[in-house]
């Protein structure tokens, strides 16, 4: 009986403890404490919904990630004059001769270009030094060119003015032809038109001739001015020497590259012959 009463008492204590646990509030989270301190803000949360790295929750992103493996370019394919497996000593020597000839051509061409560039620079320097001497000649050329342009514009204006002076007369002639009601009136109107056209031609003809004469004379004068400038340049010893050196270097380079090209062709021909001979 004592044991049974103790069991009842223990059961009652357990029931009371369970009831007490059910009525206790759950412990507050750390961020709720922050919300309580900031004024018990119960609005929607503004915390980001993405995980570190910019990925969203439950994001099933299967895009490939960039690779960091180094990319290597394929090795260049061997050329026809590069050594190849199975080449004999003679073929290897022939291919080397071709490559040497090609290298000499490229080296000579590069050196030749550098020489010609220096020659052009020397000519420019000589011409720059000559500018004060030919400045007066160039000023004369410019003045004559401007004067000729103005003269030709005046001649063309005179021709256009003469044509304009007959515009109303010819318009009246054509109107008279259209308005004529009899053969005699039409014939008279046509006769007057022909006379007015002849008068226009007579008025324009000397003006056109003057335009042609002025253009011819002006062109000859400009040619003389340019010739004077060229003569001054040619007579300058520095310019003449620089131009002579350029021509000599051009001829020498042309001869050298021609010989180099022949050497390449001969080396290739020997290689082909040895290959066909099975050397």
C-alpha atoms as a PDB file:
ATOM      1  CA  UNK A   1       0.000   0.000   0.000  1.00  0.00           C
ATOM      2  CA  UNK A   2       2.876   2.341   0.749  1.00  0.00           C
ATOM      3  CA  UNK A   3       4.537   1.580  -2.560  1.00  0.00           C
ATOM      4  CA  UNK A   4       1.311   2.273  -4.428  1.00  0.00           C
ATOM      5  CA  UNK A   5       0.879   5.682  -2.761  1.00  0.00           C
ATOM      6  CA  UNK A   6       4.478   6.583  -3.598  1.00  0.00           C
ATOM      7  CA  UNK A   7       3.836   5.678  -7.239  1.00  0.00           C
ATOM      8  CA  UNK A   8       0.778   7.901  -7.315  1.00  0.00           C
ATOM      9  CA  UNK A   9       2.760  10.761  -5.806  1.00  0.00           C
ATOM     10  CA  UNK A  10       5.574  10.359  -8.379  1.00  0.00           C
ATOM     11  CA  UNK A  11       3.074  10.291 -11.208  1.00  0.00           C
ATOM     12  CA  UNK A  12       1.444  13.485  -9.931  1.00  0.00           C
ATOM     13  CA  UNK A  13       4.833  15.235  -9.732  1.00  0.00           C
ATOM     14  CA  UNK A  14       5.672  14.241 -13.325  1.00  0.00           C
ATOM     15  CA  UNK A  15       2.306  15.551 -14.543  1.00  0.00           C
ATOM     16  CA  UNK A  16       2.842  18.861 -12.735  1.00  0.00           C
ATOM     17  CA  UNK A  17       6.368  19.216 -14.208  1.00  0.00           C
ATOM     18  CA  UNK A  18       5.062  18.536 -17.730  1.00  0.00           C
ATOM     19  CA  UNK A  19       2.317  21.124 -17.288  1.00  0.00           C
ATOM     20  CA  UNK A  20       4.871  23.683 -16.130  1.00  0.00           C
ATOM     21  CA  UNK A  21       7.069  23.024 -19.175  1.00  0.00           C
ATOM     22  CA  UNK A  22       4.125  23.436 -21.539  1.00  0.00           C
ATOM     23  CA  UNK A  23       3.312  26.892 -20.161  1.00  0.00           C
ATOM     24  CA  UNK A  24       6.887  28.312 -20.262  1.00  0.00           C
ATOM     25  CA  UNK A  25       7.689  30.689 -23.263  1.00  0.00           C
ATOM     26  CA  UNK A  26      10.324  29.559 -25.817  1.00  0.00           C
ATOM     27  CA  UNK A  27      13.754  31.211 -25.473  1.00  0.00           C
ATOM     28  CA  UNK A  28      14.168  34.314 -27.697  1.00  0.00           C
ATOM     29  CA  UNK A  29      16.721  34.201 -30.607  1.00  0.00           C
ATOM     30  CA  UNK A  30      19.652  36.496 -30.734  1.00  0.00           C
ATOM     31  CA  UNK A  31      18.359  38.507 -33.681  1.00  0.00           C
ATOM     32  CA  UNK A  32      14.971  38.899 -31.928  1.00  0.00           C
ATOM     33  CA  UNK A  33      16.846  40.653 -29.148  1.00  0.00           C
ATOM     34  CA  UNK A  34      18.230  43.019 -31.783  1.00  0.00           C
ATOM     35  CA  UNK A  35      14.711  43.621 -33.096  1.00  0.00           C
ATOM     36  CA  UNK A  36      13.479  44.316 -29.536  1.00  0.00           C
ATOM     37  CA  UNK A  37      16.260  46.853 -29.050  1.00  0.00           C
ATOM     38  CA  UNK A  38      15.463  48.565 -32.391  1.00  0.00           C
ATOM     39  CA  UNK A  39      11.812  49.121 -31.561  1.00  0.00           C
ATOM     40  CA  UNK A  40      10.204  45.649 -31.848  1.00  0.00           C
ATOM     41  CA  UNK A  41      10.056  45.897 -35.676  1.00  0.00           C
ATOM     42  CA  UNK A  42       7.647  43.228 -36.841  1.00  0.00           C
ATOM     43  CA  UNK A  43       7.591  44.180 -40.612  1.00  0.00           C
ATOM     44  CA  UNK A  44       8.838  42.036 -43.458  1.00  0.00           C
ATOM     45  CA  UNK A  45      12.485  41.013 -43.275  1.00  0.00           C
ATOM     46  CA  UNK A  46      14.966  42.783 -45.564  1.00  0.00           C
ATOM     47  CA  UNK A  47      17.728  40.227 -45.127  1.00  0.00           C
ATOM     48  CA  UNK A  48      19.138  38.857 -48.394  1.00  0.00           C
ATOM     49  CA  UNK A  49      17.774  35.513 -49.443  1.00  0.00           C
ATOM     50  CA  UNK A  50      20.906  34.507 -51.311  1.00  0.00           C
ATOM     51  CA  UNK A  51      23.724  32.406 -49.999  1.00  0.00           C
ATOM     52  CA  UNK A  52      27.332  33.608 -50.037  1.00  0.00           C
ATOM     53  CA  UNK A  53      28.675  33.727 -53.565  1.00  0.00           C
ATOM     54  CA  UNK A  54      25.473  35.183 -55.092  1.00  0.00           C
ATOM     55  CA  UNK A  55      23.566  31.883 -55.195  1.00  0.00           C
ATOM     56  CA  UNK A  56      19.944  31.789 -54.050  1.00  0.00           C
ATOM     57  CA  UNK A  57      18.440  29.260 -51.663  1.00  0.00           C
ATOM     58  CA  UNK A  58      17.439  26.047 -53.416  1.00  0.00           C
ATOM     59  CA  UNK A  59      18.972  27.428 -56.657  1.00  0.00           C
ATOM     60  CA  UNK A  60      19.601  24.573 -59.023  1.00  0.00           C
ATOM     61  CA  UNK A  61      22.189  26.358 -61.187  1.00  0.00           C
ATOM     62  CA  UNK A  62      24.017  23.905 -63.392  1.00  0.00           C
ATOM     63  CA  UNK A  63      25.930  26.425 -65.500  1.00  0.00           C
ATOM     64  CA  UNK A  64      29.567  25.445 -66.116  1.00  0.00           C
ATOM     65  CA  UNK A  65      32.129  27.176 -63.983  1.00  0.00           C
ATOM     66  CA  UNK A  66      35.074  28.947 -65.696  1.00  0.00           C
ATOM     67  CA  UNK A  67      38.097  26.762 -65.973  1.00  0.00           C
ATOM     68  CA  UNK A  68      41.547  27.846 -64.922  1.00  0.00           C
ATOM     69  CA  UNK A  69      43.382  25.281 -66.992  1.00  0.00           C
ATOM     70  CA  UNK A  70      46.006  26.883 -69.224  1.00  0.00           C
ATOM     71  CA  UNK A  71      45.276  26.773 -72.953  1.00  0.00           C
ATOM     72  CA  UNK A  72      48.130  25.769 -75.230  1.00  0.00           C
ATOM     73  CA  UNK A  73      48.353  26.500 -78.922  1.00  0.00           C
ATOM     74  CA  UNK A  74      49.069  23.652 -81.242  1.00  0.00           C
ATOM     75  CA  UNK A  75      52.614  23.446 -82.455  1.00  0.00           C
ATOM     76  CA  UNK A  76      53.132  24.944 -85.917  1.00  0.00           C
ATOM     77  CA  UNK A  77      53.221  22.449 -88.729  1.00  0.00           C
ATOM     78  CA  UNK A  78      56.670  21.923 -90.219  1.00  0.00           C
ATOM     79  CA  UNK A  79      57.324  23.663 -93.514  1.00  0.00           C
ATOM     80  CA  UNK A  80      58.593  22.019 -96.682  1.00  0.00           C
ATOM     81  CA  UNK A  81      62.132  23.153 -95.920  1.00  0.00           C
ATOM     82  CA  UNK A  82      62.210  22.058 -92.263  1.00  0.00           C
ATOM     83  CA  UNK A  83      64.022  18.863 -91.268  1.00  0.00           C
ATOM     84  CA  UNK A  84      61.798  15.804 -91.372  1.00  0.00           C
ATOM     85  CA  UNK A  85      62.245  12.277 -90.034  1.00  0.00           C
ATOM     86  CA  UNK A  86      64.076  10.106 -92.530  1.00  0.00           C
ATOM     87  CA  UNK A  87      65.894  12.979 -94.280  1.00  0.00           C
ATOM     88  CA  UNK A  88      69.372  12.065 -95.393  1.00  0.00           C
ATOM     89  CA  UNK A  89      72.391  14.234 -94.718  1.00  0.00           C
ATOM     90  CA  UNK A  90      72.251  15.552 -98.284  1.00  0.00           C
ATOM     91  CA  UNK A  91      68.564  16.527 -98.030  1.00  0.00           C
ATOM     92  CA  UNK A  92      69.133  18.132 -94.649  1.00  0.00           C
ATOM     93  CA  UNK A  93      71.961  20.178 -96.141  1.00  0.00           C
ATOM     94  CA  UNK A  94      69.781  21.198 -99.098  1.00  0.00           C
ATOM     95  CA  UNK A  95      66.944  22.331 -96.804  1.00  0.00           C
ATOM     96  CA  UNK A  96      69.391  24.267 -94.663  1.00  0.00           C
ATOM     97  CA  UNK A  97      70.711  25.971 -97.799  1.00  0.00           C
ATOM     98  CA  UNK A  98      67.180  27.049 -98.723  1.00  0.00           C
ATOM     99  CA  UNK A  99      66.536  28.426 -95.254  1.00  0.00           C
ATOM    100  CA  UNK A 100      69.860  30.256 -95.286  1.00  0.00           C
ATOM    101  CA  UNK A 101      69.060  31.802 -98.668  1.00  0.00           C
ATOM    102  CA  UNK A 102      65.640  32.921 -97.440  1.00  0.00           C
ATOM    103  CA  UNK A 103      67.140  34.385 -94.276  1.00  0.00           C
ATOM    104  CA  UNK A 104      69.702  36.315 -96.327  1.00  0.00           C
ATOM    105  CA  UNK A 105      66.948  37.729 -98.556  1.00  0.00           C
ATOM    106  CA  UNK A 106      64.953  38.902 -95.527  1.00  0.00           C
ATOM    107  CA  UNK A 107      68.021  40.381 -93.842  1.00  0.00           C
ATOM    108  CA  UNK A 108      69.101  42.218 -97.006  1.00  0.00           C
ATOM    109  CA  UNK A 109      65.580  43.540 -97.565  1.00  0.00           C
ATOM    110  CA  UNK A 110      65.376  44.806 -93.975  1.00  0.00           C
ATOM    111  CA  UNK A 111      68.773  46.460 -94.174  1.00  0.00           C
ATOM    112  CA  UNK A 112      67.908  47.941 -97.554  1.00  0.00           C
ATOM    113  CA  UNK A 113      64.689  49.449 -96.244  1.00  0.00           C
ATOM    114  CA  UNK A 114      66.583  51.030 -93.377  1.00  0.00           C
ATOM    115  CA  UNK A 115      69.099  52.504 -95.826  1.00  0.00           C
ATOM    116  CA  UNK A 116      66.386  53.941 -98.066  1.00  0.00           C
ATOM    117  CA  UNK A 117      64.571  55.399 -95.061  1.00  0.00           C
ATOM    118  CA  UNK A 118      67.786  57.175 -94.087  1.00  0.00           C
ATOM    119  CA  UNK A 119      68.162  58.460 -97.662  1.00  0.00           C
ATOM    120  CA  UNK A 120      64.634  59.870 -97.687  1.00  0.00           C
ATOM    121  CA  UNK A 121      65.283  61.539 -94.333  1.00  0.00           C
ATOM    122  CA  UNK A 122      68.467  63.105 -95.736  1.00  0.00           C
ATOM    123  CA  UNK A 123      66.575  64.460 -98.746  1.00  0.00           C
ATOM    124  CA  UNK A 124      63.894  65.937 -96.493  1.00  0.00           C
ATOM    125  CA  UNK A 125      66.532  67.584 -94.320  1.00  0.00           C
ATOM    126  CA  UNK A 126      68.217  69.088 -97.387  1.00  0.00           C
ATOM    127  CA  UNK A 127      64.897  70.397 -98.686  1.00  0.00           C
ATOM    128  CA  UNK A 128      64.027  71.871 -95.299  1.00  0.00           C
ATOM    129  CA  UNK A 129      67.356  73.695 -95.284  1.00  0.00           C
ATOM    130  CA  UNK A 130      66.566  75.029 -98.766  1.00  0.00           C
ATOM    131  CA  UNK A 131      63.153  76.436 -97.838  1.00  0.00           C
ATOM    132  CA  UNK A 132      64.366  79.989 -97.065  1.00  0.00           C
ATOM    133  CA  UNK A 133      65.990  80.120-100.511  1.00  0.00           C
ATOM    134  CA  UNK A 134      62.916  79.041-102.469  1.00  0.00           C
ATOM    135  CA  UNK A 135      60.384  80.831-100.263  1.00  0.00           C
ATOM    136  CA  UNK A 136      60.266  83.822-102.644  1.00  0.00           C
ATOM    137  CA  UNK A 137      59.792  81.525-105.657  1.00  0.00           C
ATOM    138  CA  UNK A 138      56.970  79.687-103.923  1.00  0.00           C
ATOM    139  CA  UNK A 139      55.326  83.007-103.012  1.00  0.00           C
ATOM    140  CA  UNK A 140      55.469  84.026-106.687  1.00  0.00           C
ATOM    141  CA  UNK A 141      53.885  80.731-107.700  1.00  0.00           C
ATOM    142  CA  UNK A 142      51.071  81.193-105.199  1.00  0.00           C
ATOM    143  CA  UNK A 143      50.412  84.788-106.277  1.00  0.00           C
ATOM    144  CA  UNK A 144      50.298  83.802-109.952  1.00  0.00           C
ATOM    145  CA  UNK A 145      47.980  80.891-109.185  1.00  0.00           C
ATOM    146  CA  UNK A 146      45.583  83.133-107.240  1.00  0.00           C
ATOM    147  CA  UNK A 147      45.650  85.750-109.995  1.00  0.00           C
ATOM    148  CA  UNK A 148      44.887  83.181-112.670  1.00  0.00           C
ATOM    149  CA  UNK A 149      41.997  81.796-110.666  1.00  0.00           C
ATOM    150  CA  UNK A 150      40.493  85.284-110.287  1.00  0.00           C
ATOM    151  CA  UNK A 151      40.999  86.055-113.991  1.00  0.00           C
ATOM    152  CA  UNK A 152      39.293  82.878-115.139  1.00  0.00           C
ATOM    153  CA  UNK A 153      36.383  83.477-112.788  1.00  0.00           C
ATOM    154  CA  UNK A 154      35.966  86.968-114.272  1.00  0.00           C
ATOM    155  CA  UNK A 155      36.050  85.560-117.805  1.00  0.00           C
ATOM    156  CA  UNK A 156      33.379  82.969-116.994  1.00  0.00           C
ATOM    157  CA  UNK A 157      31.224  85.650-115.364  1.00  0.00           C
ATOM    158  CA  UNK A 158      31.437  87.790-118.516  1.00  0.00           C
ATOM    159  CA  UNK A 159      30.255  84.844-120.608  1.00  0.00           C
ATOM    160  CA  UNK A 160      27.369  84.119-118.263  1.00  0.00           C
ATOM    161  CA  UNK A 161      26.362  87.799-118.197  1.00  0.00           C
ATOM    162  CA  UNK A 162      26.283  87.893-121.997  1.00  0.00           C
ATOM    163  CA  UNK A 163      24.059  84.846-122.105  1.00  0.00           C
ATOM    164  CA  UNK A 164      21.794  86.296-119.432  1.00  0.00           C
ATOM    165  CA  UNK A 165      21.379  89.522-121.455  1.00  0.00           C
ATOM    166  CA  UNK A 166      19.776  87.530-124.272  1.00  0.00           C
ATOM    167  CA  UNK A 167      17.530  85.460-122.046  1.00  0.00           C
ATOM    168  CA  UNK A 168      14.478  87.737-122.291  1.00  0.00           C
ATOM    169  CA  UNK A 169      15.021  88.366-126.006  1.00  0.00           C
ATOM    170  CA  UNK A 170      15.110  84.675-126.856  1.00  0.00           C
ATOM    171  CA  UNK A 171      12.149  83.941-124.582  1.00  0.00           C
ATOM    172  CA  UNK A 172      10.140  86.559-126.478  1.00  0.00           C
ATOM    173  CA  UNK A 173      11.225  85.020-129.787  1.00  0.00           C
ATOM    174  CA  UNK A 174      10.057  81.559-128.782  1.00  0.00           C
ATOM    175  CA  UNK A 175       6.790  82.993-127.468  1.00  0.00           C
ATOM    176  CA  UNK A 176       6.222  84.799-130.790  1.00  0.00           C
ATOM    177  CA  UNK A 177       6.724  81.549-132.685  1.00  0.00           C
ATOM    178  CA  UNK A 178       4.189  79.769-130.495  1.00  0.00           C
ATOM    179  CA  UNK A 179       1.694  82.667-130.767  1.00  0.00           C
ATOM    180  CA  UNK A 180       1.942  83.011-134.569  1.00  0.00           C
ATOM    181  CA  UNK A 181      -1.329  82.171-136.274  1.00  0.00           C
ATOM    182  CA  UNK A 182      -0.206  82.479-139.859  1.00  0.00           C
ATOM    183  CA  UNK A 183       2.690  81.088-141.845  1.00  0.00           C
ATOM    184  CA  UNK A 184       4.024  84.562-142.528  1.00  0.00           C
ATOM    185  CA  UNK A 185       3.994  85.522-138.837  1.00  0.00           C
ATOM    186  CA  UNK A 186       5.649  82.222-137.906  1.00  0.00           C
ATOM    187  CA  UNK A 187       8.337  82.688-140.574  1.00  0.00           C
ATOM    188  CA  UNK A 188       9.031  86.227-139.375  1.00  0.00           C
ATOM    189  CA  UNK A 189       9.312  85.059-135.755  1.00  0.00           C
ATOM    190  CA  UNK A 190      11.729  82.290-136.737  1.00  0.00           C
ATOM    191  CA  UNK A 191      13.834  84.746-138.721  1.00  0.00           C
ATOM    192  CA  UNK A 192      14.096  87.050-135.717  1.00  0.00           C
ATOM    193  CA  UNK A 193      15.032  84.083-133.489  1.00  0.00           C
ATOM    194  CA  UNK A 194      17.831  83.075-135.846  1.00  0.00           C
ATOM    195  CA  UNK A 195      19.129  86.655-135.906  1.00  0.00           C
ATOM    196  CA  UNK A 196      19.093  86.899-132.109  1.00  0.00           C
ATOM    197  CA  UNK A 197      20.877  83.564-131.766  1.00  0.00           C
ATOM    198  CA  UNK A 198      23.544  84.762-134.175  1.00  0.00           C
ATOM    199  CA  UNK A 199      23.912  87.967-132.173  1.00  0.00           C
ATOM    200  CA  UNK A 200      24.325  85.924-128.970  1.00  0.00           C
ATOM    201  CA  UNK A 201      26.984  83.745-130.613  1.00  0.00           C
ATOM    202  CA  UNK A 202      28.818  86.836-131.860  1.00  0.00           C
ATOM    203  CA  UNK A 203      28.732  88.363-128.371  1.00  0.00           C
ATOM    204  CA  UNK A 204      29.973  85.209-126.642  1.00  0.00           C
ATOM    205  CA  UNK A 205      32.650  84.155-129.130  1.00  0.00           C
ATOM    206  CA  UNK A 206      35.303  86.750-128.153  1.00  0.00           C
ATOM    207  CA  UNK A 207      34.587  86.171-124.475  1.00  0.00           C
ATOM    208  CA  UNK A 208      35.141  82.443-124.847  1.00  0.00           C
ATOM    209  CA  UNK A 209      38.322  83.106-126.791  1.00  0.00           C
ATOM    210  CA  UNK A 210      39.558  85.404-124.023  1.00  0.00           C
ATOM    211  CA  UNK A 211      38.881  82.684-121.451  1.00  0.00           C
ATOM    212  CA  UNK A 212      40.914  80.190-123.459  1.00  0.00           C
ATOM    213  CA  UNK A 213      43.768  82.651-124.009  1.00  0.00           C
ATOM    214  CA  UNK A 214      43.908  83.617-120.339  1.00  0.00           C
ATOM    215  CA  UNK A 215      43.912  79.965-119.269  1.00  0.00           C
ATOM    216  CA  UNK A 216      46.734  79.130-121.672  1.00  0.00           C
ATOM    217  CA  UNK A 217      48.850  82.125-120.659  1.00  0.00           C
ATOM    218  CA  UNK A 218      48.246  81.527-116.971  1.00  0.00           C
ATOM    219  CA  UNK A 219      49.123  77.845-117.284  1.00  0.00           C
ATOM    220  CA  UNK A 220      52.405  78.706-119.005  1.00  0.00           C
ATOM    221  CA  UNK A 221      53.239  81.198-116.266  1.00  0.00           C
ATOM    222  CA  UNK A 222      52.563  78.672-113.512  1.00  0.00           C
ATOM    223  CA  UNK A 223      54.700  76.111-115.339  1.00  0.00           C
ATOM    224  CA  UNK A 224      57.556  78.626-115.471  1.00  0.00           C
ATOM    225  CA  UNK A 225      57.209  79.324-111.753  1.00  0.00           C
ATOM    226  CA  UNK A 226      57.313  75.615-110.921  1.00  0.00           C
ATOM    227  CA  UNK A 227      60.323  75.128-113.204  1.00  0.00           C
ATOM    228  CA  UNK A 228      62.163  77.916-111.402  1.00  0.00           C
ATOM    229  CA  UNK A 229      61.548  76.204-108.066  1.00  0.00           C
ATOM    230  CA  UNK A 230      62.697  72.849-109.437  1.00  0.00           C
ATOM    231  CA  UNK A 231      65.823  74.445-110.871  1.00  0.00           C
ATOM    232  CA  UNK A 232      66.667  75.953-107.489  1.00  0.00           C
ATOM    233  CA  UNK A 233      66.208  72.572-105.829  1.00  0.00           C
ATOM    234  CA  UNK A 234      68.274  70.738-108.427  1.00  0.00           C
ATOM    235  CA  UNK A 235      71.076  73.282-108.240  1.00  0.00           C
ATOM    236  CA  UNK A 236      71.436  72.828-104.485  1.00  0.00           C
ATOM    237  CA  UNK A 237      74.447  70.547-103.860  1.00  0.00           C
ATOM    238  CA  UNK A 238      73.061  69.014-100.668  1.00  0.00           C
ATOM    239  CA  UNK A 239      69.786  68.033-102.308  1.00  0.00           C
ATOM    240  CA  UNK A 240      71.573  66.740-105.407  1.00  0.00           C
ATOM    241  CA  UNK A 241      73.921  64.589-103.314  1.00  0.00           C
ATOM    242  CA  UNK A 242      71.074  63.168-101.220  1.00  0.00           C
ATOM    243  CA  UNK A 243      69.023  62.344-104.315  1.00  0.00           C
ATOM    244  CA  UNK A 244      72.018  60.737-106.027  1.00  0.00           C
ATOM    245  CA  UNK A 245      72.675  58.562-102.984  1.00  0.00           C
ATOM    246  CA  UNK A 246      69.033  57.469-102.893  1.00  0.00           C
ATOM    247  CA  UNK A 247      69.137  56.407-106.543  1.00  0.00           C
ATOM    248  CA  UNK A 248      72.393  54.511-106.046  1.00  0.00           C
ATOM    249  CA  UNK A 249      71.056  52.719-102.971  1.00  0.00           C
ATOM    250  CA  UNK A 250      67.829  51.811-104.777  1.00  0.00           C
ATOM    251  CA  UNK A 251      69.770  50.331-107.693  1.00  0.00           C
ATOM    252  CA  UNK A 252      72.091  48.431-105.358  1.00  0.00           C
ATOM    253  CA  UNK A 253      69.214  47.032-103.329  1.00  0.00           C
ATOM    254  CA  UNK A 254      67.349  45.976-106.463  1.00  0.00           C
ATOM    255  CA  UNK A 255      70.444  44.127-107.724  1.00  0.00           C
ATOM    256  CA  UNK A 256      71.081  42.484-104.354  1.00  0.00           C
ATOM    257  CA  UNK A 257      67.511  41.259-103.883  1.00  0.00           C
ATOM    258  CA  UNK A 258      67.442  39.914-107.435  1.00  0.00           C
ATOM    259  CA  UNK A 259      70.572  37.880-106.667  1.00  0.00           C
ATOM    260  CA  UNK A 260      69.100  36.699-103.365  1.00  0.00           C
ATOM    261  CA  UNK A 261      65.890  35.580-105.074  1.00  0.00           C
ATOM    262  CA  UNK A 262      67.918  33.631-107.632  1.00  0.00           C
ATOM    263  CA  UNK A 263      69.898  31.980-104.834  1.00  0.00           C
ATOM    264  CA  UNK A 264      66.626  30.850-103.197  1.00  0.00           C
ATOM    265  CA  UNK A 265      65.333  29.466-106.493  1.00  0.00           C
ATOM    266  CA  UNK A 266      68.608  27.628-107.145  1.00  0.00           C
ATOM    267  CA  UNK A 267      68.623  26.126-103.637  1.00  0.00           C
ATOM    268  CA  UNK A 268      65.042  24.909-104.018  1.00  0.00           C
ATOM    269  CA  UNK A 269      65.831  23.436-107.439  1.00  0.00           C
ATOM    270  CA  UNK A 270      68.788  21.518-105.989  1.00  0.00           C
ATOM    271  CA  UNK A 271      66.623  20.205-103.142  1.00  0.00           C
ATOM    272  CA  UNK A 272      63.971  18.968-105.578  1.00  0.00           C
ATOM    273  CA  UNK A 273      66.588  17.333-107.778  1.00  0.00           C
ATOM    274  CA  UNK A 274      68.212  15.531-104.842  1.00  0.00           C
ATOM    275  CA  UNK A 275      64.815  14.381-103.574  1.00  0.00           C
ATOM    276  CA  UNK A 276      63.915  12.983-106.978  1.00  0.00           C
ATOM    277  CA  UNK A 277      67.288  11.283-107.173  1.00  0.00           C
ATOM    278  CA  UNK A 278      66.569   9.558-103.864  1.00  0.00           C
ATOM    279  CA  UNK A 279      69.504  11.058-102.002  1.00  0.00           C
END
